[in-house]
Amino acid sequence: MKILICKGHLIDKESAVDKIADILIEDDKIVKISENIDEYVEEEHTINADGCIVIPGLIDNHTHLYPFIKKGIPAESVCFSSGVTTVVDAGSLGCDNYEDVRDFLKYSRLTIRAYLNISSEGLAKLPELEDLEPKNFKIEKIKNLLKKYPDELVGLKIRVSKNIVKEKGYESLKEAVKIAREAMVPIMVHSTNPPDSLDKMVNILNRGDIVTHMYQKSPFTILKNNKICNAVLEAKKRGVLFEAADARAHFSFEIAENALKENFYPDIIATDLTAFSMYQRPTAFNLLNQIAKYEYLGLSFSDIIKSCTITPAKILGLSKNIGALKEGYQADIAIIKKENIDVEFGDRPYSDIEKNIRKGKFTYNSMLTIKNGEIVYRNILF
C-alpha cells in the first residue's frame, strides 16, 4: 500500500529538513521525500497536509503503561492520538513480575521498550513503596532478564526519593549502578526529593545514565544560588543525560527558567504519564502539550522535536530505523497542527499543593499518525 503526504511543512533537525515537501510511503517505509512527488496514489491514501507540520513519529521516553501497573496509561489510544509511535515504560515492573505481563507486547502495534525496576516488584504494589534495601536486590535474576530480553529491556530504573530510600541515602543507588555496569546497561534515576544533594547523585552516574525530572523543585535541585551546580555540568559533559518528564509534580518554572538562562536544556523531553496525569490539566496531559510548554519556555521547536525523536531513538538503539524523516526509514510519522488558543501550563513542585499557572497562547493538535506505514489515528476534522 502507498500513502502520499502532500504539502506539509517537514521539520526534522536530524535530516536538516525544514521545508514544504511531500513524503511517499510504500508498505512500511519512507521511499521518497521531495518538494513535488508526481506519483499516483489512491485518493483515500493521499493526505493533504497543507498548513500542518510533519515530523517523525514521537518517542515518549518515560511513561507507565497499563497493564504493567493498574494506574498505567492505555498505550495505543493515548500515544497514537498524540503522534507518539514509540513508548518507554520507566520501571513499572521488576524482575519478579516482568515476565508475568510482558506477553501484552506481542499485541501492540506500538514499539514498546521498558526499564526494569531495581526493586523486584517495581511499582506493582503502590501505594506501598519499593524495597530498596540493597541486600534484597535479586542480582542474578535481574541480569538474566536483561540478557534474555535485550530487545525489550533497555536498562534499570530506581527512584531515590528520601521517603523511599530513608536512611540508606545513596547506598541503594550505588548498588543499582554497580549492577547496571555489570549488565552493561544504563540506569534511569528518579531525582525528585532526593536524600542528599544532586552533586552526590550525579557523581555516581556516567555516560548513558539518565537523570529524570531534571527541573524538579525539592530540597535539592540542579541549581545552587540559581546557577547550575558544577557537578551537574560536569556530569553532562561526561555524557550523563538529563530528561524533562514532568508528570504532575516534577517540574518548577523557577528551576527550569534559571537553568534555561544558562542554556541547560533537556536531552530528552518526555511525559511520565500515568492515569493521574493523562489528559489532566494543567499537568503533563500528553507529549504534544509538553512540546508546547517547552516552546513557551523559549526552546526552538526543532530542538524540542529532536529531544523526543532522534535522541531517544539513539538511546534505544533504534536510530537507524526511526526518529527521523529519511528515505529508507520506517514510516513512523506524525502530522500535527499549531493551534493559536489559550492553554494552561502547570507548576506543582514536590510536596507543594499550590499550583503556579502560566498561560500560553498556543498548543499542538494531532491530525494524523502513521505507524509502520499504517494510519493508526486520524482527527475527524482532518
Protein backbone atom coordinates (compact mmCIF):
# COMPACT_ATOMS: atom_id res chain seq x y z
CA MET A 1 0.00 0.00 0.00
CA LYS A 2 1.13 3.54 -0.80
CA ILE A 3 0.43 6.71 1.16
CA LEU A 4 1.29 10.15 -0.14
CA ILE A 5 1.58 13.08 2.26
CA CYS A 6 1.42 16.33 0.30
CA LYS A 7 2.34 19.97 1.03
CA GLY A 8 3.22 19.50 4.69
CA HIS A 9 5.89 21.54 6.48
CA LEU A 10 8.53 18.91 7.20
CA ILE A 11 10.69 19.60 10.27
CA ASP A 12 13.46 17.22 11.31
CA LYS A 13 16.75 18.51 12.70
CA GLU A 14 18.48 15.14 12.22
CA SER A 15 17.89 15.30 8.46
CA ALA A 16 18.34 19.09 8.32
CA VAL A 17 14.82 19.33 6.87
CA ASP A 18 12.71 22.45 7.36
CA LYS A 19 10.61 22.95 4.25
CA ILE A 20 7.32 22.31 2.47
CA ALA A 21 7.59 18.91 0.80
CA ASP A 22 5.86 15.62 0.03
CA ILE A 23 6.53 12.19 1.50
CA LEU A 24 5.79 8.94 -0.30
CA ILE A 25 5.30 5.83 1.83
CA GLU A 26 5.23 2.34 0.41
CA ASP A 27 4.34 -0.53 2.72
CA ASP A 28 6.20 0.27 5.95
CA LYS A 29 8.97 2.52 4.60
CA ILE A 30 9.52 6.13 3.58
CA VAL A 31 10.57 5.71 -0.05
CA LYS A 32 10.76 9.30 -1.27
CA ILE A 33 10.91 12.85 0.09
CA SER A 34 10.70 15.62 -2.47
CA GLU A 35 9.17 19.03 -3.00
CA ASN A 36 6.76 17.65 -5.59
CA ILE A 37 6.17 13.92 -5.88
CA ASP A 38 4.31 13.00 -9.07
CA GLU A 39 3.03 9.55 -8.21
CA TYR A 40 -0.45 8.09 -8.48
CA VAL A 41 -1.82 7.14 -5.07
CA GLU A 42 -5.44 6.29 -4.37
CA GLU A 43 -7.42 9.29 -3.20
CA GLU A 44 -8.17 7.85 0.24
CA HIS A 45 -4.43 7.39 0.81
CA THR A 46 -3.44 10.87 -0.38
CA ILE A 47 -3.09 13.15 2.65
CA ASN A 48 -3.22 16.91 2.13
CA ALA A 49 -1.06 18.28 4.97
CA ASP A 50 -1.20 21.90 3.85
CA GLY A 51 -0.98 24.14 6.92
CA CYS A 52 0.31 21.29 9.09
CA ILE A 53 3.69 20.23 10.44
CA VAL A 54 5.06 16.81 9.52
CA ILE A 55 7.55 15.32 11.98
CA PRO A 56 8.98 11.89 12.78
CA GLY A 57 6.74 9.76 14.96
CA LEU A 58 7.33 10.96 18.51
CA ILE A 59 9.06 8.85 21.15
CA ASP A 60 7.83 9.21 24.73
CA ASN A 61 10.83 8.00 26.71
CA HIS A 62 9.10 7.99 30.11
CA THR A 63 5.62 6.63 30.76
CA HIS A 64 3.93 3.98 32.89
CA LEU A 65 1.77 1.60 30.90
CA TYR A 66 -1.30 -0.47 31.59
CA PRO A 67 -1.22 -3.44 32.25
CA PHE A 68 2.28 -3.04 33.69
CA ILE A 69 0.62 -1.16 36.54
CA LYS A 70 -3.08 -0.64 37.24
CA LYS A 71 -2.80 3.13 37.00
CA GLY A 72 -0.82 2.99 33.79
CA ILE A 73 -1.98 4.58 30.57
CA PRO A 74 -3.80 2.66 27.80
CA ALA A 75 -0.83 2.84 25.48
CA GLU A 76 -2.17 2.78 21.93
CA SER A 77 -5.11 5.11 22.49
CA VAL A 78 -3.07 7.75 24.33
CA CYS A 79 0.06 7.51 22.21
CA PHE A 80 -1.32 7.30 18.68
CA SER A 81 -3.73 10.18 19.35
CA SER A 82 -0.80 12.43 20.28
CA GLY A 83 1.63 11.49 17.49
CA VAL A 84 3.63 9.03 19.62
CA THR A 85 4.70 5.87 17.80
CA THR A 86 7.32 4.54 20.24
CA VAL A 87 6.96 4.50 24.02
CA VAL A 88 9.09 3.52 27.00
CA ASP A 89 7.81 2.25 30.33
CA ALA A 90 10.06 3.69 33.05
CA GLY A 91 10.35 0.93 35.60
CA SER A 92 6.81 -0.12 36.40
CA LEU A 93 7.86 -3.75 36.77
CA GLY A 94 10.71 -5.59 38.46
CA CYS A 95 12.36 -8.95 37.98
CA ASP A 96 9.64 -10.85 39.87
CA ASN A 97 6.72 -9.74 37.70
CA TYR A 98 8.04 -8.61 34.30
CA GLU A 99 7.55 -11.99 32.66
CA ASP A 100 4.01 -12.23 34.04
CA VAL A 101 2.92 -9.22 31.97
CA ARG A 102 5.28 -8.93 29.01
CA ASP A 103 3.09 -11.01 26.64
CA PHE A 104 0.92 -7.96 26.01
CA LEU A 105 3.82 -6.50 23.99
CA LYS A 106 3.06 -9.03 21.25
CA TYR A 107 -0.34 -7.50 20.65
CA SER A 108 0.54 -3.82 20.44
CA ARG A 109 1.32 -2.02 17.20
CA LEU A 110 3.32 0.49 19.22
CA THR A 111 7.03 -0.02 19.58
CA ILE A 112 7.41 -0.54 23.33
CA ARG A 113 10.57 -0.70 25.41
CA ALA A 114 10.95 -0.79 29.21
CA TYR A 115 13.30 -0.10 32.07
CA LEU A 116 13.37 -2.84 34.69
CA ASN A 117 12.90 -1.56 38.21
CA ILE A 118 15.76 -2.47 40.55
CA SER A 119 13.12 -3.40 43.14
CA SER A 120 11.90 -6.92 42.47
CA GLU A 121 8.21 -5.97 42.22
CA GLY A 122 8.64 -2.48 40.82
CA LEU A 123 5.65 -0.22 41.33
CA ALA A 124 3.07 -3.00 41.28
CA LYS A 125 2.21 -2.61 44.96
CA LEU A 126 1.78 1.15 45.03
CA PRO A 127 0.95 2.95 47.31
CA GLU A 128 3.31 0.53 49.09
CA LEU A 129 6.78 1.77 48.15
CA GLU A 130 9.62 -0.15 46.56
CA ASP A 131 12.02 -2.27 48.61
CA LEU A 132 15.38 -0.55 48.07
CA GLU A 133 17.34 -2.49 50.63
CA PRO A 134 20.45 -3.46 48.59
CA LYS A 135 20.72 -6.90 50.18
CA ASN A 136 17.26 -7.69 48.76
CA PHE A 137 18.19 -6.89 45.15
CA LYS A 138 17.91 -10.10 43.11
CA ILE A 139 21.08 -9.51 41.15
CA GLU A 140 21.30 -12.69 39.11
CA LYS A 141 17.60 -12.66 38.23
CA ILE A 142 17.90 -9.03 37.09
CA LYS A 143 20.94 -9.79 34.94
CA ASN A 144 19.31 -12.86 33.42
CA LEU A 145 16.21 -10.91 32.39
CA LEU A 146 18.27 -8.11 30.84
CA LYS A 147 20.20 -10.72 28.88
CA LYS A 148 17.08 -12.68 27.91
CA TYR A 149 15.10 -9.69 26.60
CA PRO A 150 17.63 -7.25 25.08
CA ASP A 151 15.07 -6.08 22.51
CA GLU A 152 12.59 -5.16 25.25
CA LEU A 153 14.54 -4.11 28.35
CA VAL A 154 16.81 -1.12 27.86
CA GLY A 155 18.15 -0.55 31.37
CA LEU A 156 17.44 -0.29 35.08
CA LYS A 157 15.30 2.24 36.94
CA ILE A 158 15.48 3.43 40.54
CA ARG A 159 13.60 6.07 42.49
CA VAL A 160 15.86 7.62 45.11
CA SER A 161 13.31 9.84 46.83
CA LYS A 162 14.02 10.29 50.54
CA ASN A 163 10.71 8.71 51.57
CA ILE A 164 11.70 5.54 49.69
CA VAL A 165 15.42 5.16 50.45
CA LYS A 166 15.06 6.55 54.00
CA GLU A 167 18.30 6.27 55.98
CA LYS A 168 20.09 4.42 53.18
CA GLY A 169 20.77 7.66 51.31
CA TYR A 170 22.54 6.92 48.03
CA GLU A 171 23.71 3.43 49.01
CA SER A 172 20.84 1.83 47.07
CA LEU A 173 21.76 3.88 44.00
CA LYS A 174 25.42 2.87 44.24
CA GLU A 175 24.47 -0.81 44.35
CA ALA A 176 21.99 -0.39 41.47
CA VAL A 177 24.64 1.36 39.37
CA LYS A 178 27.06 -1.48 40.08
CA ILE A 179 24.50 -3.98 38.81
CA ALA A 180 23.84 -1.85 35.72
CA ARG A 181 27.56 -1.67 34.95
CA GLU A 182 27.94 -5.43 35.26
CA ALA A 183 24.94 -5.93 32.98
CA MET A 184 26.26 -3.23 30.58
CA VAL A 185 23.03 -1.22 30.59
CA PRO A 186 22.24 2.37 31.63
CA ILE A 187 20.29 3.36 34.70
CA MET A 188 17.48 5.92 34.89
CA VAL A 189 17.31 7.77 38.22
CA HIS A 190 14.17 9.47 39.54
CA SER A 191 15.65 12.59 41.12
CA THR A 192 12.69 14.25 42.87
CA ASN A 193 13.06 14.75 46.62
CA PRO A 194 16.47 13.05 46.91
CA PRO A 195 18.04 12.23 50.29
CA ASP A 196 21.07 14.46 49.71
CA SER A 197 22.49 16.93 47.20
CA LEU A 198 22.28 16.25 43.48
CA ASP A 199 26.06 16.74 43.33
CA LYS A 200 26.45 13.44 45.16
CA MET A 201 23.83 11.76 42.99
CA VAL A 202 25.27 12.72 39.61
CA ASN A 203 28.82 11.88 40.71
CA ILE A 204 27.69 8.25 40.93
CA LEU A 205 26.50 8.27 37.30
CA ASN A 206 28.27 8.06 33.97
CA ARG A 207 27.78 8.19 30.21
CA GLY A 208 24.37 6.99 29.08
CA ASP A 209 22.73 7.12 32.50
CA ILE A 210 19.64 9.31 32.77
CA VAL A 211 18.64 11.80 35.45
CA THR A 212 14.90 12.18 35.05
CA HIS A 213 12.73 15.02 36.41
CA MET A 214 15.62 17.43 35.86
CA TYR A 215 13.56 20.56 36.63
CA GLN A 216 12.02 19.26 39.86
CA LYS A 217 11.95 21.53 42.88
CA SER A 218 12.54 19.81 46.19
CA PRO A 219 15.14 20.50 48.88
CA PHE A 220 17.91 19.54 46.44
CA THR A 221 17.85 20.59 42.76
CA ILE A 222 20.23 21.03 39.83
CA LEU A 223 20.78 24.64 40.98
CA LYS A 224 22.91 26.30 43.65
CA ASN A 225 22.38 30.00 44.13
CA ASN A 226 20.22 29.96 40.99
CA LYS A 227 23.11 28.60 38.91
CA ILE A 228 23.66 25.08 37.60
CA CYS A 229 25.76 23.04 40.04
CA ASN A 230 29.29 22.38 38.83
CA ALA A 231 28.87 18.66 39.41
CA VAL A 232 25.75 18.68 37.22
CA LEU A 233 27.62 20.49 34.44
CA GLU A 234 30.48 18.02 34.69
CA ALA A 235 28.05 15.10 34.60
CA LYS A 236 26.53 16.39 31.38
CA LYS A 237 30.00 16.82 29.88
CA ARG A 238 30.83 13.18 30.52
CA GLY A 239 27.60 12.02 28.90
CA VAL A 240 25.02 11.75 31.67
CA LEU A 241 21.65 12.55 30.08
CA PHE A 242 19.04 14.86 31.59
CA GLU A 243 15.37 14.23 30.98
CA ALA A 244 12.39 16.51 31.49
CA ALA A 245 9.47 14.22 32.38
CA ASP A 246 7.16 16.43 34.36
CA ALA A 247 4.05 14.35 35.18
CA ARG A 248 2.14 16.08 38.00
CA ALA A 249 4.78 17.14 40.49
CA HIS A 250 8.24 17.02 38.91
CA PHE A 251 8.53 20.46 37.37
CA SER A 252 9.14 24.02 38.55
CA PHE A 253 9.11 27.12 36.36
CA GLU A 254 11.63 28.68 38.74
CA ILE A 255 14.14 25.84 38.30
CA ALA A 256 13.52 25.48 34.56
CA GLU A 257 13.81 29.18 33.75
CA ASN A 258 17.02 29.62 35.74
CA ALA A 259 18.52 26.54 34.08
CA LEU A 260 17.47 27.65 30.61
CA LYS A 261 19.14 31.03 31.15
CA GLU A 262 22.39 29.04 31.23
CA ASN A 263 21.37 27.02 28.16
CA PHE A 264 20.97 23.89 30.27
CA TYR A 265 18.46 22.16 28.02
CA PRO A 266 16.84 18.73 28.27
CA ASP A 267 18.48 15.95 26.30
CA ILE A 268 15.08 14.23 26.36
CA ILE A 269 11.58 15.60 26.73
CA ALA A 270 9.02 13.02 27.87
CA THR A 271 5.85 12.94 29.97
CA ASP A 272 5.95 10.42 32.85
CA LEU A 273 2.28 9.87 32.07
CA THR A 274 0.10 7.74 34.32
CA ALA A 275 -3.66 7.70 34.74
CA PHE A 276 -3.17 10.51 37.27
CA SER A 277 -1.75 12.95 34.68
CA MET A 278 -3.12 11.61 31.39
CA TYR A 279 -5.43 14.24 29.87
CA GLN A 280 -5.34 16.20 33.14
CA ARG A 281 -4.90 19.98 33.10
CA PRO A 282 -2.55 21.61 33.90
CA THR A 283 -0.31 18.53 34.32
CA ALA A 284 1.66 16.71 31.61
CA PHE A 285 -1.57 15.88 29.68
CA ASN A 286 0.29 14.33 26.70
CA LEU A 287 3.58 14.74 24.84
CA LEU A 288 2.23 17.41 22.46
CA ASN A 289 1.33 19.53 25.49
CA GLN A 290 4.90 19.18 26.75
CA ILE A 291 6.24 20.25 23.37
CA ALA A 292 4.08 23.39 23.53
CA LYS A 293 5.20 24.09 27.11
CA TYR A 294 8.89 23.91 26.31
CA GLU A 295 8.43 26.07 23.24
CA TYR A 296 6.64 28.57 25.50
CA LEU A 297 9.75 28.47 27.71
CA GLY A 298 11.92 29.52 24.78
CA LEU A 299 13.31 26.31 23.26
CA SER A 300 13.22 26.08 19.48
CA PHE A 301 10.63 23.75 18.01
CA SER A 302 13.26 21.78 16.08
CA ASP A 303 15.38 21.23 19.22
CA ILE A 304 12.32 20.07 21.13
CA ILE A 305 11.40 17.60 18.39
CA LYS A 306 14.97 16.28 18.40
CA SER A 307 14.65 15.62 22.14
CA CYS A 308 11.60 13.42 21.62
CA THR A 309 12.60 11.72 18.36
CA ILE A 310 16.21 11.09 17.34
CA THR A 311 17.80 11.45 20.79
CA PRO A 312 15.63 8.80 22.47
CA ALA A 313 15.88 6.69 19.29
CA LYS A 314 19.67 6.64 19.76
CA ILE A 315 19.30 5.75 23.44
CA LEU A 316 17.03 2.85 22.48
CA GLY A 317 19.38 1.67 19.74
CA LEU A 318 16.76 2.37 17.06
CA SER A 319 18.18 5.45 15.36
CA LYS A 320 18.97 3.65 12.09
CA ASN A 321 15.29 2.93 11.63
CA ILE A 322 13.13 5.54 13.41
CA GLY A 323 13.34 9.06 14.82
CA ALA A 324 13.96 10.90 11.55
CA LEU A 325 12.34 11.70 8.21
CA LYS A 326 14.70 9.84 5.89
CA GLU A 327 14.23 7.71 2.82
CA GLY A 328 14.52 4.06 3.79
CA TYR A 329 13.43 4.71 7.38
CA GLN A 330 10.39 3.10 8.95
CA ALA A 331 7.25 5.06 8.15
CA ASP A 332 6.54 6.37 11.66
CA ILE A 333 5.19 9.87 11.08
CA ALA A 334 3.12 12.42 12.97
CA ILE A 335 1.15 15.24 11.37
CA ILE A 336 0.33 17.99 13.85
CA LYS A 337 -1.13 21.48 13.72
CA LYS A 338 -0.27 24.55 15.77
CA GLU A 339 -3.44 25.95 17.29
CA ASN A 340 -3.41 29.55 18.48
CA ILE A 341 -5.55 29.22 21.59
CA ASP A 342 -5.11 29.93 25.29
CA VAL A 343 -3.64 26.98 27.19
CA GLU A 344 -2.60 26.47 30.81
CA PHE A 345 0.80 25.11 31.80
CA GLY A 346 1.18 23.96 35.38
CA ASP A 347 3.91 24.05 38.01
CA ARG A 348 3.38 21.98 41.13
CA PRO A 349 6.71 21.37 42.89
CA TYR A 350 7.03 18.26 45.00
CA SER A 351 5.13 18.46 48.31
CA ASP A 352 3.74 21.86 47.33
CA ILE A 353 -0.03 21.84 46.99
CA GLU A 354 -0.01 25.26 45.35
CA LYS A 355 -0.19 25.26 41.57
CA ASN A 356 1.50 28.07 39.67
CA ILE A 357 -0.21 28.51 36.33
CA ARG A 358 1.22 30.13 33.21
CA LYS A 359 -0.95 31.00 30.24
CA GLY A 360 0.38 30.09 26.83
CA LYS A 361 -1.08 31.23 23.53
CA PHE A 362 -0.79 28.05 21.51
CA THR A 363 -0.72 24.28 21.65
CA TYR A 364 -0.34 21.43 19.18
CA ASN A 365 -3.17 19.23 17.97
CA SER A 366 -2.66 15.79 16.47
CA MET A 367 -4.08 15.47 12.96
CA LEU A 368 -2.83 12.07 11.82
CA THR A 369 -0.40 9.39 13.00
CA ILE A 370 1.23 6.74 10.82
CA LYS A 371 2.89 3.69 12.36
CA ASN A 372 4.79 1.23 10.17
CA GLY A 373 3.10 2.70 7.12
CA GLU A 374 -0.39 2.31 8.57
CA ILE A 375 -2.73 5.13 9.56
CA VAL A 376 -3.42 4.44 13.24
CA TYR A 377 -5.03 7.76 14.20
CA ARG A 378 -6.82 10.50 12.31
CA ASN A 379 -8.52 13.60 13.64
CA ILE A 380 -12.13 13.59 12.50
CA LEU A 381 -11.70 17.14 11.16
CA PHE A 382 -8.60 16.32 9.08
